[in-house]
PDB file of N, CA and C in Angstrom:
ATOM      1  N   MET A   1       3.434  13.814  65.059  1.00  0.00           N
ATOM      2  CA  MET A   1       4.425  12.482  64.436  1.00  0.00           C
ATOM      3  C   MET A   1       3.930  11.792  63.597  1.00  0.00           C
ATOM      4  N   ASN A   2       5.034  11.516  62.036  1.00  0.00           N
ATOM      5  CA  ASN A   2       3.984  10.656  61.108  1.00  0.00           C
ATOM      6  C   ASN A   2       4.107   9.256  61.523  1.00  0.00           C
ATOM      7  N   ASN A   3       4.027   8.390  61.883  1.00  0.00           N
ATOM      8  CA  ASN A   3       3.873   6.984  62.097  1.00  0.00           C
ATOM      9  C   ASN A   3       4.147   5.253  61.127  1.00  0.00           C
ATOM     10  N   THR A   4       4.103   6.631  59.964  1.00  0.00           N
ATOM     11  CA  THR A   4       4.821   5.400  58.851  1.00  0.00           C
ATOM     12  C   THR A   4       6.293   5.180  58.712  1.00  0.00           C
ATOM     13  N   SER A   5       6.268   4.019  58.486  1.00  0.00           N
ATOM     14  CA  SER A   5       7.515   3.739  58.085  1.00  0.00           C
ATOM     15  C   SER A   5       7.874   2.955  57.329  1.00  0.00           C
ATOM     16  N   HIS A   6       9.268   2.704  56.948  1.00  0.00           N
ATOM     17  CA  HIS A   6       9.733   2.706  55.359  1.00  0.00           C
ATOM     18  C   HIS A   6      10.520   1.615  55.468  1.00  0.00           C
ATOM     19  N   THR A   7       9.874   0.517  55.524  1.00  0.00           N
ATOM     20  CA  THR A   7      10.732  -1.210  55.878  1.00  0.00           C
ATOM     21  C   THR A   7      11.244  -1.589  54.332  1.00  0.00           C
ATOM     22  N   GLY A   8      10.360  -1.449  53.014  1.00  0.00           N
ATOM     23  CA  GLY A   8      10.337  -1.779  52.120  1.00  0.00           C
ATOM     24  C   GLY A   8       9.747  -2.920  51.561  1.00  0.00           C
ATOM     25  N   ASN A   9       8.832  -2.909  53.078  1.00  0.00           N
ATOM     26  CA  ASN A   9       7.448  -4.053  52.785  1.00  0.00           C
ATOM     27  C   ASN A   9       6.030  -3.003  51.993  1.00  0.00           C
ATOM     28  N   SER A  10       6.493  -2.324  51.710  1.00  0.00           N
ATOM     29  CA  SER A  10       5.051  -1.314  51.918  1.00  0.00           C
ATOM     30  C   SER A  10       4.992  -1.274  50.021  1.00  0.00           C
ATOM     31  N   PRO A  11       3.354  -1.500  49.920  1.00  0.00           N
ATOM     32  CA  PRO A  11       3.458  -1.695  48.512  1.00  0.00           C
ATOM     33  C   PRO A  11       4.459  -0.233  47.637  1.00  0.00           C
ATOM     34  N   SER A  12       4.510  -1.145  46.174  1.00  0.00           N
ATOM     35  CA  SER A  12       5.221  -0.068  45.443  1.00  0.00           C
ATOM     36  C   SER A  12       3.660   0.915  44.745  1.00  0.00           C
ATOM     37  N   SER A  13       5.141   2.301  44.361  1.00  0.00           N
ATOM     38  CA  SER A  13       3.825   2.939  44.307  1.00  0.00           C
ATOM     39  C   SER A  13       3.451   2.154  42.291  1.00  0.00           C
ATOM     40  N   PRO A  14       2.298   2.876  42.305  1.00  0.00           N
ATOM     41  CA  PRO A  14       2.228   2.507  40.953  1.00  0.00           C
ATOM     42  C   PRO A  14       3.218   2.875  39.484  1.00  0.00           C
ATOM     43  N   PRO A  15       3.349   2.478  38.719  1.00  0.00           N
ATOM     44  CA  PRO A  15       4.585   3.074  37.916  1.00  0.00           C
ATOM     45  C   PRO A  15       4.595   3.707  36.906  1.00  0.00           C
ATOM     46  N   ALA A  16       5.304   4.780  36.260  1.00  0.00           N
ATOM     47  CA  ALA A  16       5.121   6.207  36.304  1.00  0.00           C
ATOM     48  C   ALA A  16       4.676   6.179  34.553  1.00  0.00           C
ATOM     49  N   THR A  17       3.882   6.718  34.226  1.00  0.00           N
ATOM     50  CA  THR A  17       3.719   7.461  32.854  1.00  0.00           C
ATOM     51  C   THR A  17       5.426   7.247  31.885  1.00  0.00           C
ATOM     52  N   PRO A  18       5.366   6.241  30.765  1.00  0.00           N
ATOM     53  CA  PRO A  18       5.921   6.519  30.859  1.00  0.00           C
ATOM     54  C   PRO A  18       6.445   8.025  29.168  1.00  0.00           C
ATOM     55  N   PRO A  19       7.586   8.616  29.228  1.00  0.00           N
ATOM     56  CA  PRO A  19       7.561   9.911  28.872  1.00  0.00           C
ATOM     57  C   PRO A  19       6.726   9.469  27.224  1.00  0.00           C
ATOM     58  N   PRO A  20       6.653  10.777  26.469  1.00  0.00           N
ATOM     59  CA  PRO A  20       5.759  10.877  25.558  1.00  0.00           C
ATOM     60  C   PRO A  20       7.285  10.418  24.571  1.00  0.00           C
ATOM     61  N   ARG A  21       6.614   9.995  23.142  1.00  0.00           N
ATOM     62  CA  ARG A  21       7.792   9.526  21.952  1.00  0.00           C
ATOM     63  C   ARG A  21       7.606  10.679  21.434  1.00  0.00           C
ATOM     64  N   PRO A  22       8.929  10.904  20.799  1.00  0.00           N
ATOM     65  CA  PRO A  22       9.019  12.293  19.762  1.00  0.00           C
ATOM     66  C   PRO A  22       8.454  12.562  18.916  1.00  0.00           C
ATOM     67  N   SER A  23       7.420  11.577  18.338  1.00  0.00           N
ATOM     68  CA  SER A  23       6.591  12.174  17.474  1.00  0.00           C
ATOM     69  C   SER A  23       5.313  12.302  18.178  1.00  0.00           C
ATOM     70  N   GLU A  24       4.556  12.285  18.951  1.00  0.00           N
ATOM     71  CA  GLU A  24       3.676  12.092  19.850  1.00  0.00           C
ATOM     72  C   GLU A  24       3.775  13.737  20.017  1.00  0.00           C
ATOM     73  N   GLU A  25       5.272  14.027  20.975  1.00  0.00           N
ATOM     74  CA  GLU A  25       5.367  15.240  21.598  1.00  0.00           C
ATOM     75  C   GLU A  25       5.162  16.261  20.414  1.00  0.00           C
ATOM     76  N   PHE A  26       5.191  16.123  19.100  1.00  0.00           N
ATOM     77  CA  PHE A  26       5.707  17.309  17.709  1.00  0.00           C
ATOM     78  C   PHE A  26       4.151  17.014  17.431  1.00  0.00           C
ATOM     79  N   ALA A  27       3.376  16.364  17.358  1.00  0.00           N
ATOM     80  CA  ALA A  27       2.126  16.328  16.960  1.00  0.00           C
ATOM     81  C   ALA A  27       1.196  17.169  17.619  1.00  0.00           C
ATOM     82  N   SER A  28       1.753  17.172  19.124  1.00  0.00           N
ATOM     83  CA  SER A  28       1.017  18.297  19.938  1.00  0.00           C
ATOM     84  C   SER A  28       1.140  19.565  19.968  1.00  0.00           C
ATOM     85  N   LEU A  29       2.165  19.821  18.713  1.00  0.00           N
ATOM     86  CA  LEU A  29       2.429  21.578  18.264  1.00  0.00           C
ATOM     87  C   LEU A  29       1.164  21.922  17.285  1.00  0.00           C
ATOM     88  N   THR A  30       0.568  23.116  17.715  1.00  0.00           N
ATOM     89  CA  THR A  30      -0.219  23.417  16.944  1.00  0.00           C
ATOM     90  C   THR A  30       0.265  23.818  15.139  1.00  0.00           C
ATOM     91  N   GLN A  31      -0.089  24.575  14.530  1.00  0.00           N
ATOM     92  CA  GLN A  31       0.826  24.734  13.438  1.00  0.00           C
ATOM     93  C   GLN A  31       1.677  25.865  13.095  1.00  0.00           C
ATOM     94  N   ARG A  32       0.813  26.771  14.461  1.00  0.00           N
ATOM     95  CA  ARG A  32       2.028  27.897  14.247  1.00  0.00           C
ATOM     96  C   ARG A  32       2.800  27.878  15.726  1.00  0.00           C
ATOM     97  N   GLU A  33       3.058  26.276  15.761  1.00  0.00           N
ATOM     98  CA  GLU A  33       3.938  26.338  17.136  1.00  0.00           C
ATOM     99  C   GLU A  33       4.866  25.043  16.478  1.00  0.00           C
ATOM    100  N   ALA A  34       4.690  24.754  15.329  1.00  0.00           N
ATOM    101  CA  ALA A  34       5.218  24.085  15.205  1.00  0.00           C
ATOM    102  C   ALA A  34       6.320  25.024  13.730  1.00  0.00           C
ATOM    103  N   GLU A  35       5.567  26.502  13.202  1.00  0.00           N
ATOM    104  CA  GLU A  35       6.329  26.804  12.369  1.00  0.00           C
ATOM    105  C   GLU A  35       7.222  27.617  13.182  1.00  0.00           C
ATOM    106  N   ILE A  36       6.973  28.346  14.082  1.00  0.00           N
ATOM    107  CA  ILE A  36       8.033  28.881  15.004  1.00  0.00           C
ATOM    108  C   ILE A  36       8.824  27.766  15.764  1.00  0.00           C
ATOM    109  N   LEU A  37       9.269  26.443  15.953  1.00  0.00           N
ATOM    110  CA  LEU A  37      10.362  25.545  16.461  1.00  0.00           C
ATOM    111  C   LEU A  37      11.008  25.171  14.677  1.00  0.00           C
ATOM    112  N   THR A  38      10.219  25.208  14.384  1.00  0.00           N
ATOM    113  CA  THR A  38      11.125  25.431  12.618  1.00  0.00           C
ATOM    114  C   THR A  38      11.732  26.177  12.153  1.00  0.00           C
ATOM    115  N   LEU A  39      11.867  27.381  12.258  1.00  0.00           N
ATOM    116  CA  LEU A  39      12.734  29.050  12.576  1.00  0.00           C
ATOM    117  C   LEU A  39      13.689  29.295  13.879  1.00  0.00           C
ATOM    118  N   LEU A  40      13.181  28.707  15.238  1.00  0.00           N
ATOM    119  CA  LEU A  40      14.054  28.089  16.534  1.00  0.00           C
ATOM    120  C   LEU A  40      15.124  27.528  16.008  1.00  0.00           C
ATOM    121  N   SER A  41      14.579  26.592  14.686  1.00  0.00           N
ATOM    122  CA  SER A  41      15.994  25.960  14.522  1.00  0.00           C
ATOM    123  C   SER A  41      16.703  26.038  13.583  1.00  0.00           C
ATOM    124  N   GLN A  42      16.189  27.003  12.696  1.00  0.00           N
ATOM    125  CA  GLN A  42      17.018  27.429  11.932  1.00  0.00           C
ATOM    126  C   GLN A  42      18.423  29.075  12.510  1.00  0.00           C
ATOM    127  N   GLY A  43      18.690  29.148  13.735  1.00  0.00           N
ATOM    128  CA  GLY A  43      18.772  29.424  14.652  1.00  0.00           C
ATOM    129  C   GLY A  43      18.549  31.275  14.733  1.00  0.00           C
ATOM    130  N   LEU A  44      16.970  31.606  13.536  1.00  0.00           N
ATOM    131  CA  LEU A  44      16.768  32.339  14.116  1.00  0.00           C
ATOM    132  C   LEU A  44      16.330  33.184  15.816  1.00  0.00           C
ATOM    133  N   THR A  45      16.214  34.780  16.004  1.00  0.00           N
ATOM    134  CA  THR A  45      15.707  35.481  16.917  1.00  0.00           C
ATOM    135  C   THR A  45      13.990  35.657  17.487  1.00  0.00           C
ATOM    136  N   ASN A  46      13.891  36.075  18.889  1.00  0.00           N
ATOM    137  CA  ASN A  46      12.517  35.899  18.623  1.00  0.00           C
ATOM    138  C   ASN A  46      12.171  36.980  17.445  1.00  0.00           C
ATOM    139  N   ARG A  47      12.987  37.793  17.792  1.00  0.00           N
ATOM    140  CA  ARG A  47      12.790  39.268  16.915  1.00  0.00           C
ATOM    141  C   ARG A  47      12.303  38.669  15.537  1.00  0.00           C
ATOM    142  N   LYS A  48      13.381  38.045  14.690  1.00  0.00           N
ATOM    143  CA  LYS A  48      13.023  37.617  13.386  1.00  0.00           C
ATOM    144  C   LYS A  48      12.279  36.810  13.425  1.00  0.00           C
ATOM    145  N   ILE A  49      12.134  36.389  14.129  1.00  0.00           N
ATOM    146  CA  ILE A  49      11.263  34.748  14.226  1.00  0.00           C
ATOM    147  C   ILE A  49       9.716  36.049  13.855  1.00  0.00           C
ATOM    148  N   ALA A  50       9.450  36.599  15.332  1.00  0.00           N
ATOM    149  CA  ALA A  50       8.508  37.622  14.795  1.00  0.00           C
ATOM    150  C   ALA A  50       8.032  38.576  13.390  1.00  0.00           C
ATOM    151  N   ARG A  51       9.010  39.313  13.178  1.00  0.00           N
ATOM    152  CA  ARG A  51       9.016  40.211  11.672  1.00  0.00           C
ATOM    153  C   ARG A  51       7.988  38.658  10.723  1.00  0.00           C
ATOM    154  N   ARG A  52       9.518  37.391  10.839  1.00  0.00           N
ATOM    155  CA  ARG A  52       9.395  36.742   9.811  1.00  0.00           C
ATOM    156  C   ARG A  52       7.841  36.359   9.534  1.00  0.00           C
ATOM    157  N   LEU A  53       6.977  35.839  10.643  1.00  0.00           N
ATOM    158  CA  LEU A  53       5.942  35.415  10.916  1.00  0.00           C
ATOM    159  C   LEU A  53       4.370  36.646  11.292  1.00  0.00           C
ATOM    160  N   SER A  54       4.567  38.300  11.148  1.00  0.00           N
ATOM    161  CA  SER A  54       4.105  39.399  11.223  1.00  0.00           C
ATOM    162  C   SER A  54       3.433  39.166  13.053  1.00  0.00           C
ATOM    163  N   ILE A  55       4.077  38.858  13.898  1.00  0.00           N
ATOM    164  CA  ILE A  55       3.297  38.505  15.034  1.00  0.00           C
ATOM    165  C   ILE A  55       4.195  39.781  15.749  1.00  0.00           C
ATOM    166  N   ALA A  56       3.120  39.907  17.348  1.00  0.00           N
ATOM    167  CA  ALA A  56       4.630  40.795  18.523  1.00  0.00           C
ATOM    168  C   ALA A  56       5.639  39.340  18.611  1.00  0.00           C
ATOM    169  N   GLU A  57       6.953  39.507  18.948  1.00  0.00           N
ATOM    170  CA  GLU A  57       7.790  39.460  19.812  1.00  0.00           C
ATOM    171  C   GLU A  57       7.462  38.667  21.477  1.00  0.00           C
ATOM    172  N   LEU A  58       6.211  39.453  22.023  1.00  0.00           N
ATOM    173  CA  LEU A  58       5.522  38.817  23.183  1.00  0.00           C
ATOM    174  C   LEU A  58       4.812  37.631  22.834  1.00  0.00           C
ATOM    175  N   THR A  59       4.097  37.756  21.855  1.00  0.00           N
ATOM    176  CA  THR A  59       3.475  36.471  21.289  1.00  0.00           C
ATOM    177  C   THR A  59       4.634  35.304  21.117  1.00  0.00           C
ATOM    178  N   VAL A  60       5.531  35.472  20.196  1.00  0.00           N
ATOM    179  CA  VAL A  60       7.048  34.708  19.744  1.00  0.00           C
ATOM    180  C   VAL A  60       7.035  34.017  21.872  1.00  0.00           C
ATOM    181  N   LYS A  61       7.107  34.610  22.429  1.00  0.00           N
ATOM    182  CA  LYS A  61       7.463  34.053  23.498  1.00  0.00           C
ATOM    183  C   LYS A  61       6.709  33.202  24.053  1.00  0.00           C
ATOM    184  N   SER A  62       5.511  33.757  23.942  1.00  0.00           N
ATOM    185  CA  SER A  62       4.495  33.293  24.226  1.00  0.00           C
ATOM    186  C   SER A  62       4.336  31.826  23.962  1.00  0.00           C
ATOM    187  N   HIS A  63       4.395  31.504  22.435  1.00  0.00           N
ATOM    188  CA  HIS A  63       4.222  30.353  21.658  1.00  0.00           C
ATOM    189  C   HIS A  63       5.012  29.696  22.302  1.00  0.00           C
ATOM    190  N   MET A  64       6.215  30.123  22.451  1.00  0.00           N
ATOM    191  CA  MET A  64       8.003  29.707  23.209  1.00  0.00           C
ATOM    192  C   MET A  64       7.424  28.863  24.804  1.00  0.00           C
ATOM    193  N   ARG A  65       6.771  29.427  25.531  1.00  0.00           N
ATOM    194  CA  ARG A  65       6.766  28.223  26.551  1.00  0.00           C
ATOM    195  C   ARG A  65       5.847  27.598  26.367  1.00  0.00           C
ATOM    196  N   VAL A  66       5.212  27.469  25.593  1.00  0.00           N
ATOM    197  CA  VAL A  66       4.473  26.074  25.263  1.00  0.00           C
ATOM    198  C   VAL A  66       4.926  25.043  24.905  1.00  0.00           C
ATOM    199  N   ILE A  67       5.742  26.173  23.461  1.00  0.00           N
ATOM    200  CA  ILE A  67       6.566  24.579  22.675  1.00  0.00           C
ATOM    201  C   ILE A  67       7.596  23.665  23.821  1.00  0.00           C
ATOM    202  N   PHE A  68       8.167  25.003  24.897  1.00  0.00           N
ATOM    203  CA  PHE A  68       9.408  24.333  26.067  1.00  0.00           C
ATOM    204  C   PHE A  68       8.422  23.126  26.772  1.00  0.00           C
ATOM    205  N   LEU A  69       7.345  23.259  27.046  1.00  0.00           N
ATOM    206  CA  LEU A  69       6.279  22.165  28.139  1.00  0.00           C
ATOM    207  C   LEU A  69       5.941  21.072  27.072  1.00  0.00           C
ATOM    208  N   LYS A  70       5.493  21.909  26.163  1.00  0.00           N
ATOM    209  CA  LYS A  70       5.067  19.954  25.262  1.00  0.00           C
ATOM    210  C   LYS A  70       6.375  19.525  24.775  1.00  0.00           C
ATOM    211  N   LEU A  71       7.366  20.182  24.858  1.00  0.00           N
ATOM    212  CA  LEU A  71       8.779  19.410  24.172  1.00  0.00           C
ATOM    213  C   LEU A  71       9.098  18.441  25.710  1.00  0.00           C
ATOM    214  N   ASP A  72       9.449  18.750  27.073  1.00  0.00           N
ATOM    215  CA  ASP A  72       9.712  18.746  28.281  1.00  0.00           C
ATOM    216  C   ASP A  72      11.533  19.402  27.764  1.00  0.00           C
ATOM    217  N   VAL A  73      11.116  20.275  27.909  1.00  0.00           N
ATOM    218  CA  VAL A  73      12.634  21.158  27.552  1.00  0.00           C
ATOM    219  C   VAL A  73      12.549  22.620  28.319  1.00  0.00           C
ATOM    220  N   GLU A  74      13.786  22.783  28.462  1.00  0.00           N
ATOM    221  CA  GLU A  74      13.765  23.926  29.335  1.00  0.00           C
ATOM    222  C   GLU A  74      14.274  24.925  28.794  1.00  0.00           C
ATOM    223  N   ASP A  75      14.949  24.887  27.276  1.00  0.00           N
ATOM    224  CA  ASP A  75      15.255  26.149  26.654  1.00  0.00           C
ATOM    225  C   ASP A  75      15.657  26.000  24.992  1.00  0.00           C
ATOM    226  N   ARG A  76      15.346  27.579  24.465  1.00  0.00           N
ATOM    227  CA  ARG A  76      15.386  27.180  22.453  1.00  0.00           C
ATOM    228  C   ARG A  76      16.387  26.298  22.622  1.00  0.00           C
ATOM    229  N   THR A  77      17.780  26.211  22.864  1.00  0.00           N
ATOM    230  CA  THR A  77      19.115  25.356  23.083  1.00  0.00           C
ATOM    231  C   THR A  77      18.007  24.057  22.370  1.00  0.00           C
ATOM    232  N   GLN A  78      17.703  23.135  23.843  1.00  0.00           N
ATOM    233  CA  GLN A  78      17.199  22.148  23.775  1.00  0.00           C
ATOM    234  C   GLN A  78      16.060  21.410  22.995  1.00  0.00           C
ATOM    235  N   ALA A  79      15.126  23.077  22.811  1.00  0.00           N
ATOM    236  CA  ALA A  79      13.997  22.886  21.393  1.00  0.00           C
ATOM    237  C   ALA A  79      14.848  22.280  20.420  1.00  0.00           C
ATOM    238  N   ALA A  80      15.474  23.114  20.275  1.00  0.00           N
ATOM    239  CA  ALA A  80      16.280  23.052  18.515  1.00  0.00           C
ATOM    240  C   ALA A  80      16.545  22.032  18.214  1.00  0.00           C
ATOM    241  N   LEU A  81      17.619  21.122  19.846  1.00  0.00           N
ATOM    242  CA  LEU A  81      18.265  19.515  19.289  1.00  0.00           C
ATOM    243  C   LEU A  81      17.262  18.773  19.489  1.00  0.00           C
ATOM    244  N   LYS A  82      16.174  18.817  20.387  1.00  0.00           N
ATOM    245  CA  LYS A  82      15.253  17.852  20.158  1.00  0.00           C
ATOM    246  C   LYS A  82      14.599  17.539  18.915  1.00  0.00           C
ATOM    247  N   ALA A  83      14.349  18.838  18.142  1.00  0.00           N
ATOM    248  CA  ALA A  83      13.622  18.728  17.087  1.00  0.00           C
ATOM    249  C   ALA A  83      14.384  18.578  16.035  1.00  0.00           C
ATOM    250  N   ALA A  84      16.447  18.398  15.525  1.00  0.00           N
ATOM    251  CA  ALA A  84      16.747  18.125  14.756  1.00  0.00           C
ATOM    252  C   ALA A  84      16.943  16.833  15.487  1.00  0.00           C
ATOM    253  N   LEU A  85      16.938  16.022  16.154  1.00  0.00           N
ATOM    254  CA  LEU A  85      17.492  14.824  16.758  1.00  0.00           C
ATOM    255  C   LEU A  85      15.811  13.776  16.213  1.00  0.00           C
ATOM    256  N   ALA A  86      15.044  14.758  15.974  1.00  0.00           N
ATOM    257  CA  ALA A  86      13.453  14.265  15.757  1.00  0.00           C
ATOM    258  C   ALA A  86      13.132  13.894  14.152  1.00  0.00           C
ATOM    259  N   SER A  87      13.910  15.331  13.724  1.00  0.00           N
ATOM    260  CA  SER A  87      13.698  15.348  11.951  1.00  0.00           C
ATOM    261  C   SER A  87      14.912  14.449  11.376  1.00  0.00           C
ATOM    262  N   LYS A  88      16.017  13.431  12.107  1.00  0.00           N
ATOM    263  CA  LYS A  88      17.254  13.180  11.194  1.00  0.00           C
ATOM    264  C   LYS A  88      16.296  11.571  10.834  1.00  0.00           C
ATOM    265  N   PRO A  89      16.809  11.304   9.357  1.00  0.00           N
ATOM    266  CA  PRO A  89      15.772  10.053   9.272  1.00  0.00           C
ATOM    267  C   PRO A  89      16.731   8.478  10.169  1.00  0.00           C
ATOM    268  N   ARG A  90      15.145   8.071  10.350  1.00  0.00           N
ATOM    269  CA  ARG A  90      16.625   6.695  10.729  1.00  0.00           C
ATOM    270  C   ARG A  90      16.703   5.700   9.887  1.00  0.00           C
ATOM    271  N   LEU A  91      17.901   5.051  10.441  1.00  0.00           N
ATOM    272  CA  LEU A  91      18.472   4.014   9.086  1.00  0.00           C
ATOM    273  C   LEU A  91      17.886   2.305   9.464  1.00  0.00           C
ATOM    274  N   ASN A  92      17.420   1.436   8.724  1.00  0.00           N
ATOM    275  CA  ASN A  92      16.407   0.649   9.420  1.00  0.00           C
ATOM    276  C   ASN A  92      17.550  -1.105   9.099  1.00  0.00           C
ATOM    277  N   GLY A  93      17.807  -1.740   9.529  1.00  0.00           N
ATOM    278  CA  GLY A  93      18.831  -2.510   9.459  1.00  0.00           C
ATOM    279  C   GLY A  93      18.997  -3.252   7.736  1.00  0.00           C
ATOM    280  N   ASP A  94      18.584  -2.856   6.588  1.00  0.00           N
ATOM    281  CA  ASP A  94      18.455  -3.152   5.825  1.00  0.00           C
ATOM    282  C   ASP A  94      19.668  -2.047   5.205  1.00  0.00           C
ATOM    283  N   ALA A  95      19.680  -0.824   5.666  1.00  0.00           N
ATOM    284  CA  ALA A  95      20.555   0.208   5.022  1.00  0.00           C
ATOM    285  C   ALA A  95      21.979   0.277   5.885  1.00  0.00           C
ATOM    286  N   LEU A  96      21.662  -0.669   6.693  1.00  0.00           N
ATOM    287  CA  LEU A  96      22.833  -0.226   7.882  1.00  0.00           C
ATOM    288  C   LEU A  96      24.001  -1.442   8.012  1.00  0.00           C
ATOM    289  N   ASN A  97      25.135  -1.389   7.263  1.00  0.00           N
ATOM    290  CA  ASN A  97      25.701  -3.221   7.323  1.00  0.00           C
ATOM    291  C   ASN A  97      27.119  -2.761   7.756  1.00  0.00           C
ATOM    292  N   LEU A  98      27.478  -2.973   8.477  1.00  0.00           N
ATOM    293  CA  LEU A  98      28.560  -2.981   9.219  1.00  0.00           C
ATOM    294  C   LEU A  98      30.130  -3.731   8.779  1.00  0.00           C
ATOM    295  N   ASP A  99      29.626  -4.426   7.580  1.00  0.00           N
ATOM    296  CA  ASP A  99      30.798  -5.204   6.882  1.00  0.00           C
ATOM    297  C   ASP A  99      31.817  -4.292   5.419  1.00  0.00           C
ATOM    298  N   GLY A 100      30.704  -3.058   5.668  1.00  0.00           N
ATOM    299  CA  GLY A 100      31.008  -2.418   4.884  1.00  0.00           C
ATOM    300  C   GLY A 100      30.566  -2.565   3.016  1.00  0.00           C
ATOM    301  N   ASP A 101      29.889  -3.941   3.188  1.00  0.00           N
ATOM    302  CA  ASP A 101      29.359  -3.990   1.467  1.00  0.00           C
ATOM    303  C   ASP A 101      27.963  -2.668   1.310  1.00  0.00           C
ATOM    304  N   ALA A 102      27.558  -2.628   0.382  1.00  0.00           N
ATOM    305  CA  ALA A 102      26.246  -1.514   0.495  1.00  0.00           C
ATOM    306  C   ALA A 102      25.184  -2.711   0.356  1.00  0.00           C
ATOM    307  N   PRO A 103      24.277  -2.429   0.801  1.00  0.00           N
ATOM    308  CA  PRO A 103      23.055  -3.496   0.581  1.00  0.00           C
ATOM    309  C   PRO A 103      22.412  -3.346  -0.488  1.00  0.00           C
ATOM    310  N   LYS A 104      21.585  -4.665  -1.298  1.00  0.00           N
ATOM    311  CA  LYS A 104      21.499  -4.879  -2.317  1.00  0.00           C
ATOM    312  C   LYS A 104      20.917  -3.571  -2.903  1.00  0.00           C
ATOM    313  N   ARG A 105      20.023  -3.156  -2.268  1.00  0.00           N
ATOM    314  CA  ARG A 105      19.423  -1.776  -2.541  1.00  0.00           C
ATOM    315  C   ARG A 105      19.644  -0.623  -3.135  1.00  0.00           C
ATOM    316  N   PHE A 106      20.669  -0.523  -2.171  1.00  0.00           N
ATOM    317  CA  PHE A 106      21.809   0.276  -3.021  1.00  0.00           C
ATOM    318  C   PHE A 106      22.635  -0.093  -3.895  1.00  0.00           C
ATOM    319  N   ARG A 107      22.949  -1.553  -4.624  1.00  0.00           N
ATOM    320  CA  ARG A 107      23.808  -1.578  -5.598  1.00  0.00           C
ATOM    321  C   ARG A 107      23.671  -1.391  -6.732  1.00  0.00           C
TER     322      ARG A 107
END
């Protein structure tokens, strides 16, 4: 029997490593993985990606598994969504004006 008790006074476990920022996740992709992710985001099937890149469909599937691991996603829909969200331009405080007036740089 385990004599360990959970009284709440035990030292806390070390803090979890924060998840990688999206730019770090995408930087970890190889050029080929990035190409495949781009084509995936355009809605191409594995077969069409394979034909476009002149590689075997099994090779595409292999790359997909690695992409899913690197991006911490479970399927192609999540991978495409993550890629789309990461590529959207971000508005800085200058460009966002809730009063409805255009910022000076846009006038």
